[in-house]
Amino acid sequence: VDPWPLRAPRLGLAPTTERDVEALWAIWTEPDVRRYLFDDVAPTRAQAAEIVADAAALGDRGLGLWTLR
């Protein structure tokens, strides 16, 4: 099964999974990102994993967080 349900020639869009935790955590801890998403408090890696797990549970319904590549 293709993990990227929406594709274009140069872009894929899919619900987040556990594989995305490290990349998202790296982005979410950047000062210019976290000030808008997390009230300027960097999430821990465990918090990022929990956010992704909660969002992944909604993926089958087309909800939650999605990744672009």
PDB file of N, CA and C in Angstrom:
ATOM      1  N   VAL A   1       0.851  -1.182   0.000  1.00  0.00           N
ATOM      2  CA  VAL A   1       0.000   0.000   0.000  1.00  0.00           C
ATOM      3  C   VAL A   1       0.889   1.234   0.000  1.00  0.00           C
ATOM      4  N   ASP A   2       0.571   2.160  -0.851  1.00  0.00           N
ATOM      5  CA  ASP A   2       1.311   3.413  -0.953  1.00  0.00           C
ATOM      6  C   ASP A   2       1.080   4.250   0.301  1.00  0.00           C
ATOM      7  N   PRO A   3       2.149   4.601   1.059  1.00  0.00           N
ATOM      8  CA  PRO A   3       1.965   5.386   2.276  1.00  0.00           C
ATOM      9  C   PRO A   3       1.623   6.853   2.007  1.00  0.00           C
ATOM     10  N   TRP A   4       1.683   7.265   0.774  1.00  0.00           N
ATOM     11  CA  TRP A   4       1.398   8.655   0.424  1.00  0.00           C
ATOM     12  C   TRP A   4       0.105   8.700  -0.377  1.00  0.00           C
ATOM     13  N   PRO A   5      -1.026   8.890   0.290  1.00  0.00           N
ATOM     14  CA  PRO A   5      -2.302   8.822  -0.409  1.00  0.00           C
ATOM     15  C   PRO A   5      -2.547   9.942  -1.412  1.00  0.00           C
ATOM     16  N   LEU A   6      -1.873  11.053  -1.257  1.00  0.00           N
ATOM     17  CA  LEU A   6      -2.008  12.143  -2.211  1.00  0.00           C
ATOM     18  C   LEU A   6      -0.641  12.431  -2.801  1.00  0.00           C
ATOM     19  N   ARG A   7      -0.556  12.336  -4.106  1.00  0.00           N
ATOM     20  CA  ARG A   7       0.727  12.535  -4.777  1.00  0.00           C
ATOM     21  C   ARG A   7       0.608  13.503  -5.937  1.00  0.00           C
ATOM     22  N   ALA A   8       1.682  14.217  -6.170  1.00  0.00           N
ATOM     23  CA  ALA A   8       1.880  15.038  -7.355  1.00  0.00           C
ATOM     24  C   ALA A   8       3.291  14.699  -7.837  1.00  0.00           C
ATOM     25  N   PRO A   9       3.671  15.140  -9.006  1.00  0.00           N
ATOM     26  CA  PRO A   9       5.011  14.771  -9.494  1.00  0.00           C
ATOM     27  C   PRO A   9       6.149  15.087  -8.527  1.00  0.00           C
ATOM     28  N   ARG A  10       6.043  16.169  -7.774  1.00  0.00           N
ATOM     29  CA  ARG A  10       7.138  16.555  -6.878  1.00  0.00           C
ATOM     30  C   ARG A  10       6.720  16.649  -5.426  1.00  0.00           C
ATOM     31  N   LEU A  11       5.541  16.131  -5.068  1.00  0.00           N
ATOM     32  CA  LEU A  11       5.030  16.320  -3.718  1.00  0.00           C
ATOM     33  C   LEU A  11       4.211  15.111  -3.291  1.00  0.00           C
ATOM     34  N   GLY A  12       4.388  14.724  -2.031  1.00  0.00           N
ATOM     35  CA  GLY A  12       3.551  13.676  -1.445  1.00  0.00           C
ATOM     36  C   GLY A  12       2.960  14.191  -0.145  1.00  0.00           C
ATOM     37  N   LEU A  13       1.735  13.800   0.150  1.00  0.00           N
ATOM     38  CA  LEU A  13       1.042  14.227   1.356  1.00  0.00           C
ATOM     39  C   LEU A  13       0.467  12.996   2.027  1.00  0.00           C
ATOM     40  N   ALA A  14       0.779  12.814   3.319  1.00  0.00           N
ATOM     41  CA  ALA A  14       0.297  11.643   4.045  1.00  0.00           C
ATOM     42  C   ALA A  14       0.162  11.963   5.530  1.00  0.00           C
ATOM     43  N   PRO A  15      -0.672  11.208   6.232  1.00  0.00           N
ATOM     44  CA  PRO A  15      -0.781  11.396   7.682  1.00  0.00           C
ATOM     45  C   PRO A  15       0.569  11.128   8.359  1.00  0.00           C
ATOM     46  N   THR A  16       0.836  11.833   9.443  1.00  0.00           N
ATOM     47  CA  THR A  16       2.074  11.610  10.183  1.00  0.00           C
ATOM     48  C   THR A  16       2.076  10.214  10.797  1.00  0.00           C
ATOM     49  N   THR A  17       3.280   9.711  10.987  1.00  0.00           N
ATOM     50  CA  THR A  17       3.470   8.422  11.643  1.00  0.00           C
ATOM     51  C   THR A  17       4.629   8.561  12.623  1.00  0.00           C
ATOM     52  N   GLU A  18       4.879   7.500  13.344  1.00  0.00           N
ATOM     53  CA  GLU A  18       5.998   7.483  14.297  1.00  0.00           C
ATOM     54  C   GLU A  18       7.322   7.795  13.608  1.00  0.00           C
ATOM     55  N   ARG A  19       7.439   7.452  12.341  1.00  0.00           N
ATOM     56  CA  ARG A  19       8.679   7.738  11.596  1.00  0.00           C
ATOM     57  C   ARG A  19       8.954   9.228  11.460  1.00  0.00           C
ATOM     58  N   ASP A  20       7.935  10.063  11.640  1.00  0.00           N
ATOM     59  CA  ASP A  20       8.082  11.504  11.464  1.00  0.00           C
ATOM     60  C   ASP A  20       8.457  12.253  12.738  1.00  0.00           C
ATOM     61  N   VAL A  21       8.497  11.562  13.870  1.00  0.00           N
ATOM     62  CA  VAL A  21       8.698  12.237  15.160  1.00  0.00           C
ATOM     63  C   VAL A  21       9.998  13.037  15.181  1.00  0.00           C
ATOM     64  N   GLU A  22      11.101  12.446  14.801  1.00  0.00           N
ATOM     65  CA  GLU A  22      12.397  13.146  14.890  1.00  0.00           C
ATOM     66  C   GLU A  22      12.407  14.409  14.044  1.00  0.00           C
ATOM     67  N   ALA A  23      11.925  14.310  12.816  1.00  0.00           N
ATOM     68  CA  ALA A  23      11.923  15.477  11.926  1.00  0.00           C
ATOM     69  C   ALA A  23      11.000  16.569  12.458  1.00  0.00           C
ATOM     70  N   LEU A  24       9.810  16.189  12.913  1.00  0.00           N
ATOM     71  CA  LEU A  24       8.892  17.185  13.446  1.00  0.00           C
ATOM     72  C   LEU A  24       9.420  17.812  14.725  1.00  0.00           C
ATOM     73  N   TRP A  25       9.994  17.003  15.584  1.00  0.00           N
ATOM     74  CA  TRP A  25      10.553  17.539  16.826  1.00  0.00           C
ATOM     75  C   TRP A  25      11.655  18.552  16.523  1.00  0.00           C
ATOM     76  N   ALA A  26      12.490  18.241  15.542  1.00  0.00           N
ATOM     77  CA  ALA A  26      13.561  19.174  15.163  1.00  0.00           C
ATOM     78  C   ALA A  26      12.978  20.505  14.683  1.00  0.00           C
ATOM     79  N   ILE A  27      11.910  20.439  13.915  1.00  0.00           N
ATOM     80  CA  ILE A  27      11.266  21.663  13.431  1.00  0.00           C
ATOM     81  C   ILE A  27      10.573  22.391  14.580  1.00  0.00           C
ATOM     82  N   TRP A  28       9.846  21.653  15.403  1.00  0.00           N
ATOM     83  CA  TRP A  28       9.068  22.260  16.487  1.00  0.00           C
ATOM     84  C   TRP A  28       9.930  22.904  17.563  1.00  0.00           C
ATOM     85  N   THR A  29      11.185  22.537  17.681  1.00  0.00           N
ATOM     86  CA  THR A  29      12.053  23.148  18.690  1.00  0.00           C
ATOM     87  C   THR A  29      12.801  24.365  18.158  1.00  0.00           C
ATOM     88  N   GLU A  30      12.649  24.667  16.883  1.00  0.00           N
ATOM     89  CA  GLU A  30      13.255  25.876  16.324  1.00  0.00           C
ATOM     90  C   GLU A  30      12.547  27.096  16.924  1.00  0.00           C
ATOM     91  N   PRO A  31      13.299  28.096  17.389  1.00  0.00           N
ATOM     92  CA  PRO A  31      12.687  29.249  18.050  1.00  0.00           C
ATOM     93  C   PRO A  31      11.596  29.941  17.220  1.00  0.00           C
ATOM     94  N   ASP A  32      11.824  30.113  15.920  1.00  0.00           N
ATOM     95  CA  ASP A  32      10.834  30.817  15.100  1.00  0.00           C
ATOM     96  C   ASP A  32       9.593  29.984  14.818  1.00  0.00           C
ATOM     97  N   VAL A  33       9.641  28.706  15.081  1.00  0.00           N
ATOM     98  CA  VAL A  33       8.479  27.838  14.910  1.00  0.00           C
ATOM     99  C   VAL A  33       7.734  27.703  16.234  1.00  0.00           C
ATOM    100  N   ARG A  34       8.466  27.381  17.277  1.00  0.00           N
ATOM    101  CA  ARG A  34       7.801  27.097  18.556  1.00  0.00           C
ATOM    102  C   ARG A  34       7.075  28.303  19.134  1.00  0.00           C
ATOM    103  N   ARG A  35       7.518  29.491  18.802  1.00  0.00           N
ATOM    104  CA  ARG A  35       6.827  30.659  19.362  1.00  0.00           C
ATOM    105  C   ARG A  35       5.404  30.785  18.834  1.00  0.00           C
ATOM    106  N   TYR A  36       5.144  30.207  17.670  1.00  0.00           N
ATOM    107  CA  TYR A  36       3.789  30.240  17.117  1.00  0.00           C
ATOM    108  C   TYR A  36       2.985  28.987  17.444  1.00  0.00           C
ATOM    109  N   LEU A  37       3.650  27.865  17.617  1.00  0.00           N
ATOM    110  CA  LEU A  37       2.936  26.609  17.845  1.00  0.00           C
ATOM    111  C   LEU A  37       2.860  26.203  19.309  1.00  0.00           C
ATOM    112  N   PHE A  38       3.843  26.573  20.097  1.00  0.00           N
ATOM    113  CA  PHE A  38       3.932  26.075  21.469  1.00  0.00           C
ATOM    114  C   PHE A  38       4.152  27.183  22.490  1.00  0.00           C
ATOM    115  N   ASP A  39       3.664  28.374  22.219  1.00  0.00           N
ATOM    116  CA  ASP A  39       3.802  29.515  23.138  1.00  0.00           C
ATOM    117  C   ASP A  39       5.238  29.729  23.587  1.00  0.00           C
ATOM    118  N   ASP A  40       6.158  29.506  22.659  1.00  0.00           N
ATOM    119  CA  ASP A  40       7.596  29.713  22.872  1.00  0.00           C
ATOM    120  C   ASP A  40       8.196  28.786  23.921  1.00  0.00           C
ATOM    121  N   VAL A  41       7.581  27.637  24.137  1.00  0.00           N
ATOM    122  CA  VAL A  41       8.129  26.616  25.029  1.00  0.00           C
ATOM    123  C   VAL A  41       8.424  25.392  24.173  1.00  0.00           C
ATOM    124  N   ALA A  42       9.695  25.025  24.090  1.00  0.00           N
ATOM    125  CA  ALA A  42      10.077  23.892  23.255  1.00  0.00           C
ATOM    126  C   ALA A  42       9.492  22.592  23.806  1.00  0.00           C
ATOM    127  N   PRO A  43       8.810  21.823  22.960  1.00  0.00           N
ATOM    128  CA  PRO A  43       8.292  20.537  23.437  1.00  0.00           C
ATOM    129  C   PRO A  43       9.440  19.551  23.640  1.00  0.00           C
ATOM    130  N   THR A  44       9.263  18.640  24.566  1.00  0.00           N
ATOM    131  CA  THR A  44      10.256  17.573  24.733  1.00  0.00           C
ATOM    132  C   THR A  44      10.059  16.563  23.614  1.00  0.00           C
ATOM    133  N   ARG A  45      11.018  15.681  23.465  1.00  0.00           N
ATOM    134  CA  ARG A  45      10.881  14.636  22.459  1.00  0.00           C
ATOM    135  C   ARG A  45       9.688  13.745  22.786  1.00  0.00           C
ATOM    136  N   ALA A  46       9.474  13.469  24.062  1.00  0.00           N
ATOM    137  CA  ALA A  46       8.334  12.649  24.484  1.00  0.00           C
ATOM    138  C   ALA A  46       7.010  13.335  24.148  1.00  0.00           C
ATOM    139  N   GLN A  47       6.951  14.651  24.334  1.00  0.00           N
ATOM    140  CA  GLN A  47       5.730  15.387  23.985  1.00  0.00           C
ATOM    141  C   GLN A  47       5.490  15.349  22.481  1.00  0.00           C
ATOM    142  N   ALA A  48       6.552  15.489  21.709  1.00  0.00           N
ATOM    143  CA  ALA A  48       6.421  15.416  20.248  1.00  0.00           C
ATOM    144  C   ALA A  48       5.910  14.040  19.833  1.00  0.00           C
ATOM    145  N   ALA A  49       6.437  12.999  20.450  1.00  0.00           N
ATOM    146  CA  ALA A  49       5.982  11.637  20.130  1.00  0.00           C
ATOM    147  C   ALA A  49       4.513  11.460  20.487  1.00  0.00           C
ATOM    148  N   GLU A  50       4.084  12.042  21.594  1.00  0.00           N
ATOM    149  CA  GLU A  50       2.678  11.942  22.002  1.00  0.00           C
ATOM    150  C   GLU A  50       1.767  12.697  21.029  1.00  0.00           C
ATOM    151  N   ILE A  51       2.193  13.875  20.602  1.00  0.00           N
ATOM    152  CA  ILE A  51       1.416  14.656  19.641  1.00  0.00           C
ATOM    153  C   ILE A  51       1.258  13.880  18.343  1.00  0.00           C
ATOM    154  N   VAL A  52       2.350  13.304  17.871  1.00  0.00           N
ATOM    155  CA  VAL A  52       2.308  12.535  16.622  1.00  0.00           C
ATOM    156  C   VAL A  52       1.433  11.296  16.783  1.00  0.00           C
ATOM    157  N   ALA A  53       1.543  10.600  17.901  1.00  0.00           N
ATOM    158  CA  ALA A  53       0.720   9.407  18.128  1.00  0.00           C
ATOM    159  C   ALA A  53      -0.765   9.764  18.160  1.00  0.00           C
ATOM    160  N   ASP A  54      -1.093  10.851  18.836  1.00  0.00           N
ATOM    161  CA  ASP A  54      -2.490  11.289  18.890  1.00  0.00           C
ATOM    162  C   ASP A  54      -3.001  11.647  17.497  1.00  0.00           C
ATOM    163  N   ALA A  55      -2.179  12.339  16.724  1.00  0.00           N
ATOM    164  CA  ALA A  55      -2.575  12.719  15.369  1.00  0.00           C
ATOM    165  C   ALA A  55      -2.670  11.496  14.456  1.00  0.00           C
ATOM    166  N   ALA A  56      -1.736  10.560  14.610  1.00  0.00           N
ATOM    167  CA  ALA A  56      -1.741   9.359  13.765  1.00  0.00           C
ATOM    168  C   ALA A  56      -3.007   8.542  13.990  1.00  0.00           C
ATOM    169  N   ALA A  57      -3.524   8.570  15.195  1.00  0.00           N
ATOM    170  CA  ALA A  57      -4.747   7.826  15.493  1.00  0.00           C
ATOM    171  C   ALA A  57      -5.941   8.385  14.719  1.00  0.00           C
ATOM    172  N   LEU A  58      -5.857   9.619  14.263  1.00  0.00           N
ATOM    173  CA  LEU A  58      -6.939  10.245  13.502  1.00  0.00           C
ATOM    174  C   LEU A  58      -6.761  10.115  11.991  1.00  0.00           C
ATOM    175  N   GLY A  59      -5.595   9.638  11.562  1.00  0.00           N
ATOM    176  CA  GLY A  59      -5.265   9.583  10.143  1.00  0.00           C
ATOM    177  C   GLY A  59      -6.220   8.778   9.296  1.00  0.00           C
ATOM    178  N   ASP A  60      -6.749   7.687   9.813  1.00  0.00           N
ATOM    179  CA  ASP A  60      -7.676   6.864   9.041  1.00  0.00           C
ATOM    180  C   ASP A  60      -8.956   7.612   8.691  1.00  0.00           C
ATOM    181  N   ARG A  61      -9.257   8.651   9.470  1.00  0.00           N
ATOM    182  CA  ARG A  61     -10.461   9.446   9.200  1.00  0.00           C
ATOM    183  C   ARG A  61     -10.142  10.707   8.398  1.00  0.00           C
ATOM    184  N   GLY A  62      -8.877  10.837   7.971  1.00  0.00           N
ATOM    185  CA  GLY A  62      -8.483  12.013   7.198  1.00  0.00           C
ATOM    186  C   GLY A  62      -8.203  13.235   8.048  1.00  0.00           C
ATOM    187  N   LEU A  63      -8.041  13.025   9.355  1.00  0.00           N
ATOM    188  CA  LEU A  63      -7.784  14.122  10.279  1.00  0.00           C
ATOM    189  C   LEU A  63      -6.382  14.004  10.845  1.00  0.00           C
ATOM    190  N   GLY A  64      -5.968  14.966  11.659  1.00  0.00           N
ATOM    191  CA  GLY A  64      -4.677  14.906  12.329  1.00  0.00           C
ATOM    192  C   GLY A  64      -3.630  15.725  11.611  1.00  0.00           C
ATOM    193  N   LEU A  65      -2.385  15.376  11.817  1.00  0.00           N
ATOM    194  CA  LEU A  65      -1.252  16.053  11.176  1.00  0.00           C
ATOM    195  C   LEU A  65      -0.861  15.314   9.910  1.00  0.00           C
ATOM    196  N   TRP A  66      -0.481  16.067   8.915  1.00  0.00           N
ATOM    197  CA  TRP A  66      -0.060  15.489   7.640  1.00  0.00           C
ATOM    198  C   TRP A  66       1.346  15.996   7.325  1.00  0.00           C
ATOM    199  N   THR A  67       2.119  15.186   6.629  1.00  0.00           N
ATOM    200  CA  THR A  67       3.459  15.581   6.234  1.00  0.00           C
ATOM    201  C   THR A  67       3.525  15.771   4.728  1.00  0.00           C
ATOM    202  N   LEU A  68       4.359  16.717   4.337  1.00  0.00           N
ATOM    203  CA  LEU A  68       4.634  16.979   2.925  1.00  0.00           C
ATOM    204  C   LEU A  68       6.062  16.603   2.644  1.00  0.00           C
ATOM    205  N   ARG A  69       6.289  15.977   1.508  1.00  0.00           N
ATOM    206  CA  ARG A  69       7.666  15.665   1.104  1.00  0.00           C
ATOM    207  C   ARG A  69       7.814  15.854  -0.365  1.00  0.00           C
TER     208      ARG A  69
END
